[in-house]
Amino acid sequence: MLKLTKIALLGAVAAAGMASTAANAATVQGTAEVDIISAVTLVETTGMDLGIVASSTTAGTVVLGDDTSSRSCNGGVTCVGTTGFSRGVFTVGGAPAGYTVAYSVDAAATLNRVGGGGSMSLALNPSGTATSAGTFTVAAGATATDFYVGGTLSVGASQAAGQYTGTYSVTANYN
């Protein structure tokens, strides 16, 4: 039994000698950093206006360019006048030069007749894209950057006369 106790005691001493002590530990301080930049701002500077059009007994479309503010009417729709229409213009500010900003626009909006009695669908198209989203990089020295929204309005056959209005969502954020 004494021999067994000596072996156990020797094992405990050996284990204690292998244990780490504070003299063998190392500590270092890690660092952390963050740069805060301003949130982007987004303002509609010009509302989209498809101008004045005339419907007929045949359905058609009004196409408003997103990059050039051109307008054309197709099918049974006639464009009236050569002015009085405009693409939507949105201004993004607050982003430093060199940063990329992503923007998105609803794919479509519904324009409802003021006073009721009709609606039309407007497929939206922001500038420079074939989809409802895009990006741009803020140019050096720029304090704000614009992007544009155009679209295609589907006008029904014998669409009721009147003013039609609607809204759509636009979002911009760092990419």
Protein backbone atom coordinates (compact mmCIF):
# COMPACT_ATOMS: atom_id res chain seq x y z
CA MET A 1 0.00 0.00 0.00
CA LEU A 2 2.89 2.31 0.79
CA LYS A 3 4.31 1.62 -2.65
CA LEU A 4 0.99 2.54 -4.27
CA THR A 5 0.85 5.80 -2.30
CA LYS A 6 4.41 6.71 -3.39
CA ILE A 7 3.53 6.11 -7.04
CA ALA A 8 0.40 8.25 -6.72
CA LEU A 9 2.38 11.00 -4.99
CA LEU A 10 5.07 10.92 -7.71
CA GLY A 11 2.36 11.16 -10.41
CA ALA A 12 0.77 14.17 -8.73
CA VAL A 13 4.11 15.96 -8.44
CA ALA A 14 4.93 15.27 -12.10
CA ALA A 15 1.52 16.55 -13.20
CA ALA A 16 1.94 19.71 -11.13
CA GLY A 17 5.31 20.35 -12.77
CA MET A 18 3.73 20.19 -16.24
CA ALA A 19 0.90 22.57 -15.37
CA SER A 20 1.07 26.07 -16.84
CA THR A 21 1.74 28.93 -14.47
CA ALA A 22 1.19 32.66 -14.78
CA ALA A 23 4.91 33.05 -15.45
CA ASN A 24 4.48 31.08 -18.71
CA ALA A 25 1.34 32.96 -20.00
CA ALA A 26 1.38 35.79 -22.56
CA THR A 27 -1.18 38.58 -22.98
CA VAL A 28 -1.51 41.11 -25.76
CA GLN A 29 -4.11 43.85 -26.41
CA GLY A 30 -6.07 43.58 -29.66
CA THR A 31 -7.15 46.69 -31.55
CA ALA A 32 -10.45 47.61 -33.14
CA GLU A 33 -11.35 50.45 -35.49
CA VAL A 34 -14.35 51.75 -37.42
CA ASP A 35 -14.82 54.65 -39.81
CA ILE A 36 -18.30 56.18 -39.78
CA ILE A 37 -19.53 57.84 -42.96
CA SER A 38 -22.73 59.76 -43.49
CA ALA A 39 -25.86 57.92 -44.52
CA VAL A 40 -26.89 58.52 -48.10
CA THR A 41 -29.75 60.93 -48.70
CA LEU A 42 -32.36 60.43 -51.40
CA VAL A 43 -34.68 63.12 -52.74
CA GLU A 44 -37.13 63.12 -55.65
CA THR A 45 -36.14 66.34 -57.42
CA THR A 46 -38.56 65.95 -60.35
CA GLY A 47 -41.68 63.82 -60.34
CA MET A 48 -42.39 61.64 -63.35
CA ASP A 49 -45.01 63.17 -65.65
CA LEU A 50 -46.13 61.31 -68.77
CA GLY A 51 -47.76 64.46 -70.11
CA ILE A 52 -51.07 64.62 -71.96
CA VAL A 53 -52.21 61.71 -74.12
CA ALA A 54 -55.43 60.77 -75.88
CA SER A 55 -56.89 57.28 -75.81
CA SER A 56 -58.97 55.64 -78.50
CA THR A 57 -60.92 52.43 -78.95
CA THR A 58 -57.58 50.63 -79.32
CA ALA A 59 -55.23 50.01 -76.38
CA GLY A 60 -51.68 51.31 -76.53
CA THR A 61 -48.69 52.51 -74.55
CA VAL A 62 -46.85 55.66 -73.60
CA VAL A 63 -43.09 55.15 -73.32
CA LEU A 64 -41.14 57.73 -71.31
CA GLY A 65 -37.35 57.47 -71.69
CA ASP A 66 -35.31 57.11 -68.53
CA ASP A 67 -32.09 58.66 -69.89
CA THR A 68 -33.26 61.27 -72.36
CA SER A 69 -36.76 62.21 -71.23
CA SER A 70 -38.06 61.32 -74.69
CA ARG A 71 -41.68 60.22 -75.06
CA SER A 72 -43.46 58.11 -77.65
CA CYS A 73 -47.01 56.83 -77.99
CA ASN A 74 -47.92 53.54 -79.61
CA GLY A 75 -51.03 51.61 -80.61
CA GLY A 76 -54.24 53.56 -80.12
CA VAL A 77 -52.63 56.25 -77.93
CA THR A 78 -51.73 59.70 -79.27
CA CYS A 79 -49.16 61.97 -77.59
CA VAL A 80 -50.50 65.52 -77.33
CA GLY A 81 -47.84 68.26 -77.46
CA THR A 82 -44.09 68.03 -77.43
CA THR A 83 -43.53 69.42 -73.93
CA GLY A 84 -45.05 69.00 -70.48
CA PHE A 85 -43.63 65.56 -69.73
CA SER A 86 -40.57 64.55 -67.70
CA ARG A 87 -38.79 61.50 -66.40
CA GLY A 88 -38.48 61.09 -62.65
CA VAL A 89 -35.24 62.52 -61.26
CA PHE A 90 -33.78 61.33 -57.94
CA THR A 91 -30.76 62.87 -56.24
CA VAL A 92 -28.47 60.84 -53.98
CA GLY A 93 -26.24 62.83 -51.64
CA GLY A 94 -24.04 62.26 -48.63
CA ALA A 95 -21.88 59.54 -50.19
CA PRO A 96 -18.13 60.23 -50.35
CA ALA A 97 -16.26 60.08 -53.68
CA GLY A 98 -15.28 56.59 -54.74
CA TYR A 99 -18.05 54.79 -52.87
CA THR A 100 -20.58 52.69 -54.78
CA VAL A 101 -24.28 53.32 -54.23
CA ALA A 102 -26.97 50.82 -55.19
CA TYR A 103 -30.49 51.92 -55.98
CA SER A 104 -33.71 50.09 -56.65
CA VAL A 105 -37.11 51.09 -57.93
CA ASP A 106 -40.40 49.22 -57.74
CA ALA A 107 -40.92 47.20 -60.93
CA ALA A 108 -44.35 48.74 -61.50
CA ALA A 109 -46.85 51.25 -60.18
CA THR A 110 -50.59 51.58 -60.55
CA LEU A 111 -51.97 54.95 -61.60
CA ASN A 112 -55.54 55.45 -60.38
CA ARG A 113 -58.02 57.93 -61.83
CA VAL A 114 -58.67 60.83 -59.47
CA GLY A 115 -62.29 60.42 -58.40
CA GLY A 116 -62.29 56.72 -59.27
CA GLY A 117 -63.38 54.87 -62.36
CA GLY A 118 -60.14 53.60 -63.82
CA SER A 119 -56.53 52.59 -63.40
CA MET A 120 -53.47 51.90 -65.55
CA SER A 121 -50.25 49.97 -65.01
CA LEU A 122 -46.87 51.72 -65.30
CA ALA A 123 -43.80 49.48 -65.75
CA LEU A 124 -40.83 51.39 -64.29
CA ASN A 125 -37.29 51.51 -65.62
CA PRO A 126 -34.44 53.34 -63.85
CA SER A 127 -31.61 54.84 -65.90
CA GLY A 128 -28.96 52.63 -67.36
CA THR A 129 -30.62 49.34 -66.46
CA ALA A 130 -32.91 46.79 -67.99
CA THR A 131 -34.16 45.86 -64.53
CA SER A 132 -35.46 47.77 -61.54
CA ALA A 133 -32.03 48.24 -59.89
CA GLY A 134 -28.63 49.72 -60.63
CA THR A 135 -25.42 51.06 -59.11
CA PHE A 136 -23.10 54.00 -59.59
CA THR A 137 -19.78 55.12 -58.14
CA VAL A 138 -19.67 58.63 -56.72
CA ALA A 139 -17.31 60.78 -58.80
CA ALA A 140 -14.47 62.75 -57.24
CA GLY A 141 -15.67 66.20 -56.19
CA ALA A 142 -19.35 65.27 -56.52
CA THR A 143 -21.69 66.36 -53.75
CA ALA A 144 -24.70 64.61 -55.28
CA THR A 145 -25.50 62.20 -58.10
CA ASP A 146 -28.75 61.95 -60.05
CA PHE A 147 -30.43 58.92 -61.53
CA TYR A 148 -33.57 58.84 -63.62
CA VAL A 149 -36.74 56.78 -63.85
CA GLY A 150 -38.82 56.32 -66.96
CA GLY A 151 -41.40 53.74 -67.84
CA THR A 152 -44.08 52.30 -70.06
CA LEU A 153 -47.70 53.13 -69.32
CA SER A 154 -50.33 50.68 -70.57
CA VAL A 155 -53.40 52.63 -71.67
CA GLY A 156 -56.58 50.62 -72.11
CA ALA A 157 -58.95 50.82 -75.03
CA SER A 158 -61.39 53.71 -74.40
CA GLN A 159 -59.53 54.58 -71.16
CA ALA A 160 -61.67 57.00 -69.12
CA ALA A 161 -60.57 60.63 -69.43
CA GLY A 162 -59.17 62.28 -66.31
CA GLN A 163 -56.07 62.71 -64.21
CA TYR A 164 -54.34 59.52 -63.01
CA THR A 165 -51.85 59.45 -60.14
CA GLY A 166 -49.81 56.87 -58.30
CA THR A 167 -46.67 56.32 -56.26
CA TYR A 168 -43.69 54.00 -56.31
CA SER A 169 -40.82 53.28 -53.93
CA VAL A 170 -37.18 54.16 -54.59
CA THR A 171 -34.32 53.06 -52.31
CA ALA A 172 -30.62 53.97 -52.27
CA ASN A 173 -27.85 52.67 -50.01
CA TYR A 174 -24.15 51.87 -50.01
CA ASN A 175 -23.32 48.78 -52.02
